[in-house]
């Protein structure tokens, strides 16, 4: 998730100061990815350093406003026009946890899967309830549409996670039914001696 480009998108609609940017960012994403003011101002400093935003005066309360530059608008348009790369997928803690669990002796992998499924089902119910509330309160505003899109992405993502957990449980059951491969040296008949018996010499 690009905070950098998210702030540029907000500034493209007019100058704002840090707290305004934080509030609007969280309103449009439903606070799914909360920001702190320090993070916002750190990002603004980097954007200013790169020539993508510029100071735009202060108000009577001393708030420093920022405005997007032409270079910033070009950067924003390029972001919108460029697909999000999937060649380097982000680390998924759940996938890493299960990958480690199946290789560490003594871990009840089935219990790990079941616990995660219960948690994911609860999250799915919460997201679905929030979607219902958002649809009931929809006033046709762009911010409402933005929040609905984020919610639906979370719903689809969680549904996919639950399907994957079901698949993991099936895969684990199939693996348990497979016979253990013999260890080296087991179930091997003793090798016959290749030496021929010596004939006794008669005297």
Foldseek 3Di string as FASTA:
>chain_A
DDPLLLLLVVLQVHKDFQVVSQVLSCLLQVCPPHDDSVVSVVSVVVCVVVVQKDWDDADPVGTIIIHGDPVVVVVNVVVVVDDDDPPDPDDDPLVVVLVVQVVDPPRPSLVVLVVVLVVLVVVLVVLVVVLVVLVVPDPPDSSSVSNNVNSVVSNVVSVVVNVVSVVVVVVVVVVVPDDDDDDPPPPDDDDDDPDDDDDDDDD
